[in-house]
Amino acid sequence: MTGQVRTVDGRVAGRRGQATRQKLLECLSEMLSTSPYRDVKVIDVARMAGTSPATFYQYFPDVEGAVLELAEDTAKEGTGLSGLVADRNWTGRSAWAAAEELVDGFLAFWRKNDAILRVIDLGAAEGDKRFYKIRMKILNAVTGSLSDSIKELQDKGRVDKTVSPAAVAGALVEMLAAVAVHQKGFQSWGVKQADLKPNLALLVHLGVTGKKPTR
């Protein structure tokens, strides 16, 4: 944790206070992995953290406020997803490696942050602009870089001029997000994780380059 952390009434929290606040967030995150977002109560989070509801309210106005803190932290981490695309070589054999790395990194990020990402998706789907902006911040980190990569190939004559880089990039990223949310669901269709990744990479490769991969 970096920078100053303040309590609800504006006081700067000391090292002990910051540790308590972080513990509350960690307990909330754990509870979100097993309970519906709206079933989580302040008293339950405080009890798991070994403190009191009064202490919880020193740092967060309510459960939703704490959830938004978790969501913002996840969005900050999500900006690193752009590194899965930026400065990658999308030609020849390198393009297949780039597609695989993007799929692996994207799915891994979703698995790691599954609980809070489900809450973000729910809030965005219900029209909550705060969650919508957070969701777009995460997806835009990849979409922008992917669009730039397609545009670069287009400028070099490797991708048809009629293709919209932004449209293709957006569609591919939304596809990855949808699949990431339902990773466990694919198993009920008889799709193994080992089969899912290379087939997703194939779709990404085709979308970016317009060609079958060279492996």
C-alpha atoms as a PDB file:
ATOM      1  CA  MET A   1       0.000   0.000   0.000  1.00  0.00           C
ATOM      2  CA  THR A   2       1.453   3.376  -0.989  1.00  0.00           C
ATOM      3  CA  GLY A   3       0.510   6.984  -0.326  1.00  0.00           C
ATOM      4  CA  GLN A   4      -1.621   8.336   2.493  1.00  0.00           C
ATOM      5  CA  VAL A   5      -4.660   6.399   3.635  1.00  0.00           C
ATOM      6  CA  ARG A   6      -7.382   8.424   5.285  1.00  0.00           C
ATOM      7  CA  THR A   7     -10.264   7.507   7.523  1.00  0.00           C
ATOM      8  CA  VAL A   8     -13.846   8.418   6.632  1.00  0.00           C
ATOM      9  CA  ASP A   9     -13.567  11.649   8.652  1.00  0.00           C
ATOM     10  CA  GLY A  10     -10.402  12.689   6.810  1.00  0.00           C
ATOM     11  CA  ARG A  11      -7.708  11.750   9.322  1.00  0.00           C
ATOM     12  CA  VAL A  12      -4.494  10.181   8.004  1.00  0.00           C
ATOM     13  CA  ALA A  13      -4.295   6.567   9.136  1.00  0.00           C
ATOM     14  CA  GLY A  14      -1.100   5.406  10.799  1.00  0.00           C
ATOM     15  CA  ARG A  15       0.716   2.185   9.999  1.00  0.00           C
ATOM     16  CA  ARG A  16      -1.494   0.174  12.334  1.00  0.00           C
ATOM     17  CA  GLY A  17      -4.626   1.748  10.910  1.00  0.00           C
ATOM     18  CA  GLN A  18      -3.502   1.000   7.363  1.00  0.00           C
ATOM     19  CA  ALA A  19      -2.887  -2.623   8.303  1.00  0.00           C
ATOM     20  CA  THR A  20      -6.366  -2.863   9.828  1.00  0.00           C
ATOM     21  CA  ARG A  21      -7.938  -1.325   6.740  1.00  0.00           C
ATOM     22  CA  GLN A  22      -6.074  -3.729   4.471  1.00  0.00           C
ATOM     23  CA  LYS A  23      -7.144  -6.659   6.629  1.00  0.00           C
ATOM     24  CA  LEU A  24     -10.781  -5.598   6.289  1.00  0.00           C
ATOM     25  CA  LEU A  25     -10.433  -5.456   2.510  1.00  0.00           C
ATOM     26  CA  GLU A  26      -8.809  -8.897   2.411  1.00  0.00           C
ATOM     27  CA  CYS A  27     -11.604 -10.377   4.527  1.00  0.00           C
ATOM     28  CA  LEU A  28     -14.232  -8.719   2.348  1.00  0.00           C
ATOM     29  CA  SER A  29     -12.580 -10.145  -0.759  1.00  0.00           C
ATOM     30  CA  GLU A  30     -12.614 -13.605   0.787  1.00  0.00           C
ATOM     31  CA  MET A  31     -16.291 -13.293   1.689  1.00  0.00           C
ATOM     32  CA  LEU A  32     -17.186 -12.198  -1.842  1.00  0.00           C
ATOM     33  CA  SER A  33     -15.757 -15.472  -3.145  1.00  0.00           C
ATOM     34  CA  THR A  34     -18.334 -17.467  -1.166  1.00  0.00           C
ATOM     35  CA  SER A  35     -21.304 -15.124  -0.660  1.00  0.00           C
ATOM     36  CA  PRO A  36     -23.460 -12.940  -2.915  1.00  0.00           C
ATOM     37  CA  TYR A  37     -22.313  -9.320  -2.778  1.00  0.00           C
ATOM     38  CA  ARG A  38     -25.524  -8.002  -1.204  1.00  0.00           C
ATOM     39  CA  ASP A  39     -25.539 -10.679   1.491  1.00  0.00           C
ATOM     40  CA  VAL A  40     -22.241  -9.485   2.935  1.00  0.00           C
ATOM     41  CA  LYS A  41     -22.713  -7.516   6.172  1.00  0.00           C
ATOM     42  CA  VAL A  42     -20.370  -5.127   7.930  1.00  0.00           C
ATOM     43  CA  ILE A  43     -20.538  -7.107  11.163  1.00  0.00           C
ATOM     44  CA  ASP A  44     -19.464 -10.280   9.347  1.00  0.00           C
ATOM     45  CA  VAL A  45     -16.482  -8.612   7.683  1.00  0.00           C
ATOM     46  CA  ALA A  46     -15.423  -7.018  10.969  1.00  0.00           C
ATOM     47  CA  ARG A  47     -15.748 -10.310  12.837  1.00  0.00           C
ATOM     48  CA  MET A  48     -13.611 -12.140  10.268  1.00  0.00           C
ATOM     49  CA  ALA A  49     -10.981  -9.394  10.528  1.00  0.00           C
ATOM     50  CA  GLY A  50     -10.980  -9.669  14.327  1.00  0.00           C
ATOM     51  CA  THR A  51     -12.252  -6.156  14.880  1.00  0.00           C
ATOM     52  CA  SER A  52     -15.542  -4.290  15.358  1.00  0.00           C
ATOM     53  CA  PRO A  53     -18.133  -2.699  13.046  1.00  0.00           C
ATOM     54  CA  ALA A  54     -17.165   0.667  14.531  1.00  0.00           C
ATOM     55  CA  THR A  55     -13.622   0.142  13.276  1.00  0.00           C
ATOM     56  CA  PHE A  56     -14.943  -0.829   9.827  1.00  0.00           C
ATOM     57  CA  TYR A  57     -16.882   2.447   9.648  1.00  0.00           C
ATOM     58  CA  GLN A  58     -13.720   4.394  10.420  1.00  0.00           C
ATOM     59  CA  TYR A  59     -12.390   3.395   7.001  1.00  0.00           C
ATOM     60  CA  PHE A  60     -15.446   2.744   4.828  1.00  0.00           C
ATOM     61  CA  PRO A  61     -18.942   4.282   4.734  1.00  0.00           C
ATOM     62  CA  ASP A  62     -20.521   0.868   4.099  1.00  0.00           C
ATOM     63  CA  VAL A  63     -19.892  -2.484   2.396  1.00  0.00           C
ATOM     64  CA  GLU A  64     -20.446  -0.977  -1.050  1.00  0.00           C
ATOM     65  CA  GLY A  65     -17.804   1.655  -0.362  1.00  0.00           C
ATOM     66  CA  ALA A  66     -15.302  -1.047   0.562  1.00  0.00           C
ATOM     67  CA  VAL A  67     -16.279  -3.081  -2.514  1.00  0.00           C
ATOM     68  CA  LEU A  68     -15.574  -0.061  -4.705  1.00  0.00           C
ATOM     69  CA  GLU A  69     -12.133   0.227  -3.086  1.00  0.00           C
ATOM     70  CA  LEU A  70     -11.438  -3.395  -4.024  1.00  0.00           C
ATOM     71  CA  ALA A  71     -12.734  -2.752  -7.522  1.00  0.00           C
ATOM     72  CA  GLU A  72     -10.482   0.281  -7.989  1.00  0.00           C
ATOM     73  CA  ASP A  73      -7.456  -1.696  -6.782  1.00  0.00           C
ATOM     74  CA  THR A  74      -8.318  -4.433  -9.282  1.00  0.00           C
ATOM     75  CA  ALA A  75      -8.627  -1.849 -12.060  1.00  0.00           C
ATOM     76  CA  LYS A  76      -5.150  -0.542 -11.241  1.00  0.00           C
ATOM     77  CA  GLU A  77      -3.788  -4.061 -11.481  1.00  0.00           C
ATOM     78  CA  GLY A  78      -5.754  -4.559 -14.703  1.00  0.00           C
ATOM     79  CA  THR A  79      -3.948  -1.719 -16.451  1.00  0.00           C
ATOM     80  CA  GLY A  80      -0.956  -4.056 -16.530  1.00  0.00           C
ATOM     81  CA  LEU A  81      -2.830  -6.234 -19.007  1.00  0.00           C
ATOM     82  CA  SER A  82      -1.801  -3.803 -21.723  1.00  0.00           C
ATOM     83  CA  GLY A  83       1.683  -5.270 -21.386  1.00  0.00           C
ATOM     84  CA  LEU A  84       0.343  -8.512 -22.841  1.00  0.00           C
ATOM     85  CA  VAL A  85      -0.181  -6.724 -26.157  1.00  0.00           C
ATOM     86  CA  ALA A  86       2.073  -3.688 -26.357  1.00  0.00           C
ATOM     87  CA  ASP A  87       5.293  -4.062 -28.353  1.00  0.00           C
ATOM     88  CA  ARG A  88       4.413  -7.616 -29.395  1.00  0.00           C
ATOM     89  CA  ASN A  89       5.301  -8.868 -32.866  1.00  0.00           C
ATOM     90  CA  TRP A  90       2.079  -9.938 -34.611  1.00  0.00           C
ATOM     91  CA  THR A  91       3.749 -11.444 -37.678  1.00  0.00           C
ATOM     92  CA  GLY A  92       4.897 -14.997 -38.432  1.00  0.00           C
ATOM     93  CA  ARG A  93       5.473 -17.409 -35.557  1.00  0.00           C
ATOM     94  CA  SER A  94       5.742 -14.525 -33.097  1.00  0.00           C
ATOM     95  CA  ALA A  95       2.079 -13.716 -33.648  1.00  0.00           C
ATOM     96  CA  TRP A  96       1.006 -17.124 -32.359  1.00  0.00           C
ATOM     97  CA  ALA A  97       3.150 -16.681 -29.243  1.00  0.00           C
ATOM     98  CA  ALA A  98       1.624 -13.227 -28.707  1.00  0.00           C
ATOM     99  CA  ALA A  99      -1.913 -14.624 -28.995  1.00  0.00           C
ATOM    100  CA  GLU A 100      -1.136 -17.406 -26.512  1.00  0.00           C
ATOM    101  CA  GLU A 101       0.417 -15.004 -24.017  1.00  0.00           C
ATOM    102  CA  LEU A 102      -2.586 -12.681 -24.234  1.00  0.00           C
ATOM    103  CA  VAL A 103      -5.064 -15.505 -23.600  1.00  0.00           C
ATOM    104  CA  ASP A 104      -2.991 -16.987 -20.751  1.00  0.00           C
ATOM    105  CA  GLY A 105      -2.531 -13.631 -19.034  1.00  0.00           C
ATOM    106  CA  PHE A 106      -6.133 -12.557 -19.478  1.00  0.00           C
ATOM    107  CA  LEU A 107      -7.615 -15.779 -18.099  1.00  0.00           C
ATOM    108  CA  ALA A 108      -5.124 -15.828 -15.227  1.00  0.00           C
ATOM    109  CA  PHE A 109      -6.060 -12.268 -14.230  1.00  0.00           C
ATOM    110  CA  TRP A 110      -9.750 -13.208 -14.214  1.00  0.00           C
ATOM    111  CA  ARG A 111      -9.170 -16.344 -12.132  1.00  0.00           C
ATOM    112  CA  LYS A 112      -7.127 -14.408  -9.585  1.00  0.00           C
ATOM    113  CA  ASN A 113      -9.740 -11.651  -9.227  1.00  0.00           C
ATOM    114  CA  ASP A 114     -12.859 -13.689  -9.990  1.00  0.00           C
ATOM    115  CA  ALA A 115     -14.915 -12.607  -6.952  1.00  0.00           C
ATOM    116  CA  ILE A 116     -14.555  -8.835  -7.327  1.00  0.00           C
ATOM    117  CA  LEU A 117     -14.770  -8.985 -11.129  1.00  0.00           C
ATOM    118  CA  ARG A 118     -18.160 -10.728 -10.831  1.00  0.00           C
ATOM    119  CA  VAL A 119     -19.348  -7.860  -8.626  1.00  0.00           C
ATOM    120  CA  ILE A 120     -17.999  -5.301 -11.102  1.00  0.00           C
ATOM    121  CA  ASP A 121     -19.802  -7.034 -13.975  1.00  0.00           C
ATOM    122  CA  LEU A 122     -23.030  -7.174 -11.963  1.00  0.00           C
ATOM    123  CA  GLY A 123     -22.896  -3.490 -11.059  1.00  0.00           C
ATOM    124  CA  ALA A 124     -22.088  -2.496 -14.647  1.00  0.00           C
ATOM    125  CA  ALA A 125     -24.926  -4.660 -16.005  1.00  0.00           C
ATOM    126  CA  GLU A 126     -27.345  -2.989 -13.591  1.00  0.00           C
ATOM    127  CA  GLY A 127     -26.364   0.438 -14.898  1.00  0.00           C
ATOM    128  CA  ASP A 128     -24.186   1.596 -12.005  1.00  0.00           C
ATOM    129  CA  LYS A 129     -21.860   4.077 -13.688  1.00  0.00           C
ATOM    130  CA  ARG A 130     -19.167   3.646 -11.041  1.00  0.00           C
ATOM    131  CA  PHE A 131     -18.795  -0.062 -11.737  1.00  0.00           C
ATOM    132  CA  TYR A 132     -19.196   0.501 -15.480  1.00  0.00           C
ATOM    133  CA  LYS A 133     -16.263   2.933 -15.517  1.00  0.00           C
ATOM    134  CA  ILE A 134     -14.117   0.510 -13.545  1.00  0.00           C
ATOM    135  CA  ARG A 135     -14.976  -2.345 -15.909  1.00  0.00           C
ATOM    136  CA  MET A 136     -14.116  -0.241 -18.938  1.00  0.00           C
ATOM    137  CA  LYS A 137     -10.848   0.875 -17.358  1.00  0.00           C
ATOM    138  CA  ILE A 138      -9.801  -2.775 -17.108  1.00  0.00           C
ATOM    139  CA  LEU A 139     -10.904  -3.730 -20.618  1.00  0.00           C
ATOM    140  CA  ASN A 140      -9.602  -0.539 -22.230  1.00  0.00           C
ATOM    141  CA  ALA A 141      -6.094  -1.407 -21.058  1.00  0.00           C
ATOM    142  CA  VAL A 142      -6.109  -4.298 -23.524  1.00  0.00           C
ATOM    143  CA  THR A 143      -8.459  -2.923 -26.172  1.00  0.00           C
ATOM    144  CA  GLY A 144      -6.385   0.178 -26.866  1.00  0.00           C
ATOM    145  CA  SER A 145      -3.118  -1.733 -27.255  1.00  0.00           C
ATOM    146  CA  LEU A 146      -4.746  -4.426 -29.395  1.00  0.00           C
ATOM    147  CA  SER A 147      -6.354  -1.815 -31.631  1.00  0.00           C
ATOM    148  CA  ASP A 148      -2.959  -0.145 -32.102  1.00  0.00           C
ATOM    149  CA  SER A 149      -1.418  -3.489 -33.068  1.00  0.00           C
ATOM    150  CA  ILE A 150      -4.090  -4.137 -35.695  1.00  0.00           C
ATOM    151  CA  LYS A 151      -3.733  -0.583 -37.032  1.00  0.00           C
ATOM    152  CA  GLU A 152       0.035  -1.083 -37.335  1.00  0.00           C
ATOM    153  CA  LEU A 153      -0.495  -4.261 -39.368  1.00  0.00           C
ATOM    154  CA  GLN A 154      -3.038  -2.409 -41.470  1.00  0.00           C
ATOM    155  CA  ASP A 155      -0.591   0.428 -42.191  1.00  0.00           C
ATOM    156  CA  LYS A 156       1.923  -2.174 -43.368  1.00  0.00           C
ATOM    157  CA  GLY A 157      -0.614  -3.710 -45.733  1.00  0.00           C
ATOM    158  CA  ARG A 158      -0.913  -6.926 -43.740  1.00  0.00           C
ATOM    159  CA  VAL A 159      -4.565  -6.360 -42.718  1.00  0.00           C
ATOM    160  CA  ASP A 160      -7.390  -5.325 -45.041  1.00  0.00           C
ATOM    161  CA  LYS A 161      -8.113  -1.586 -45.059  1.00  0.00           C
ATOM    162  CA  THR A 162     -11.840  -2.201 -44.545  1.00  0.00           C
ATOM    163  CA  VAL A 163     -11.208  -3.655 -41.086  1.00  0.00           C
ATOM    164  CA  SER A 164     -11.944  -1.381 -38.119  1.00  0.00           C
ATOM    165  CA  PRO A 165      -9.101  -1.955 -35.621  1.00  0.00           C
ATOM    166  CA  ALA A 166     -11.139  -0.591 -32.704  1.00  0.00           C
ATOM    167  CA  ALA A 167     -14.174  -2.738 -33.534  1.00  0.00           C
ATOM    168  CA  VAL A 168     -12.136  -5.935 -33.894  1.00  0.00           C
ATOM    169  CA  ALA A 169     -10.096  -5.235 -30.759  1.00  0.00           C
ATOM    170  CA  GLY A 170     -13.221  -4.453 -28.744  1.00  0.00           C
ATOM    171  CA  ALA A 171     -14.976  -7.619 -29.933  1.00  0.00           C
ATOM    172  CA  LEU A 172     -11.953  -9.795 -29.116  1.00  0.00           C
ATOM    173  CA  VAL A 173     -11.539  -8.338 -25.627  1.00  0.00           C
ATOM    174  CA  GLU A 174     -15.235  -8.702 -24.822  1.00  0.00           C
ATOM    175  CA  MET A 175     -15.034 -12.288 -26.039  1.00  0.00           C
ATOM    176  CA  LEU A 176     -12.106 -12.960 -23.727  1.00  0.00           C
ATOM    177  CA  ALA A 177     -13.929 -11.331 -20.807  1.00  0.00           C
ATOM    178  CA  ALA A 178     -17.072 -13.398 -21.418  1.00  0.00           C
ATOM    179  CA  VAL A 179     -15.106 -16.633 -21.657  1.00  0.00           C
ATOM    180  CA  ALA A 180     -13.047 -15.727 -18.582  1.00  0.00           C
ATOM    181  CA  VAL A 181     -16.211 -15.280 -16.508  1.00  0.00           C
ATOM    182  CA  HIS A 182     -17.509 -18.705 -17.553  1.00  0.00           C
ATOM    183  CA  GLN A 183     -14.274 -20.711 -17.462  1.00  0.00           C
ATOM    184  CA  LYS A 184     -15.806 -23.298 -15.131  1.00  0.00           C
ATOM    185  CA  GLY A 185     -18.936 -23.477 -17.274  1.00  0.00           C
ATOM    186  CA  PHE A 186     -16.967 -24.760 -20.238  1.00  0.00           C
ATOM    187  CA  GLN A 187     -16.197 -27.906 -18.275  1.00  0.00           C
ATOM    188  CA  SER A 188     -19.908 -28.762 -18.200  1.00  0.00           C
ATOM    189  CA  TRP A 189     -19.805 -28.714 -22.012  1.00  0.00           C
ATOM    190  CA  GLY A 190     -16.916 -31.167 -22.007  1.00  0.00           C
ATOM    191  CA  VAL A 191     -14.350 -28.488 -22.853  1.00  0.00           C
ATOM    192  CA  LYS A 192     -11.070 -28.977 -21.017  1.00  0.00           C
ATOM    193  CA  GLN A 193      -8.981 -26.013 -19.944  1.00  0.00           C
ATOM    194  CA  ALA A 194      -6.139 -27.422 -22.027  1.00  0.00           C
ATOM    195  CA  ASP A 195      -8.368 -27.209 -25.116  1.00  0.00           C
ATOM    196  CA  LEU A 196      -9.893 -23.837 -24.309  1.00  0.00           C
ATOM    197  CA  LYS A 197      -6.705 -21.786 -24.339  1.00  0.00           C
ATOM    198  CA  PRO A 198      -5.310 -22.768 -27.770  1.00  0.00           C
ATOM    199  CA  ASN A 199      -8.701 -22.338 -29.412  1.00  0.00           C
ATOM    200  CA  LEU A 200      -9.118 -18.894 -27.879  1.00  0.00           C
ATOM    201  CA  ALA A 201      -5.599 -18.047 -29.047  1.00  0.00           C
ATOM    202  CA  LEU A 202      -6.595 -19.171 -32.551  1.00  0.00           C
ATOM    203  CA  LEU A 203      -9.567 -16.780 -32.550  1.00  0.00           C
ATOM    204  CA  VAL A 204      -7.393 -13.925 -31.279  1.00  0.00           C
ATOM    205  CA  HIS A 205      -4.753 -14.631 -33.939  1.00  0.00           C
ATOM    206  CA  LEU A 206      -7.342 -14.725 -36.719  1.00  0.00           C
ATOM    207  CA  GLY A 207      -8.951 -11.529 -35.425  1.00  0.00           C
ATOM    208  CA  VAL A 208      -5.712  -9.565 -35.215  1.00  0.00           C
ATOM    209  CA  THR A 209      -3.896 -10.823 -38.311  1.00  0.00           C
ATOM    210  CA  GLY A 210      -6.713 -12.144 -40.487  1.00  0.00           C
ATOM    211  CA  LYS A 211      -4.641 -15.290 -41.090  1.00  0.00           C
ATOM    212  CA  LYS A 212      -4.199 -18.788 -39.759  1.00  0.00           C
ATOM    213  CA  PRO A 213      -1.258 -19.000 -37.358  1.00  0.00           C
ATOM    214  CA  THR A 214       2.197 -20.248 -38.230  1.00  0.00           C
ATOM    215  CA  ARG A 215       3.260 -22.512 -35.360  1.00  0.00           C
END
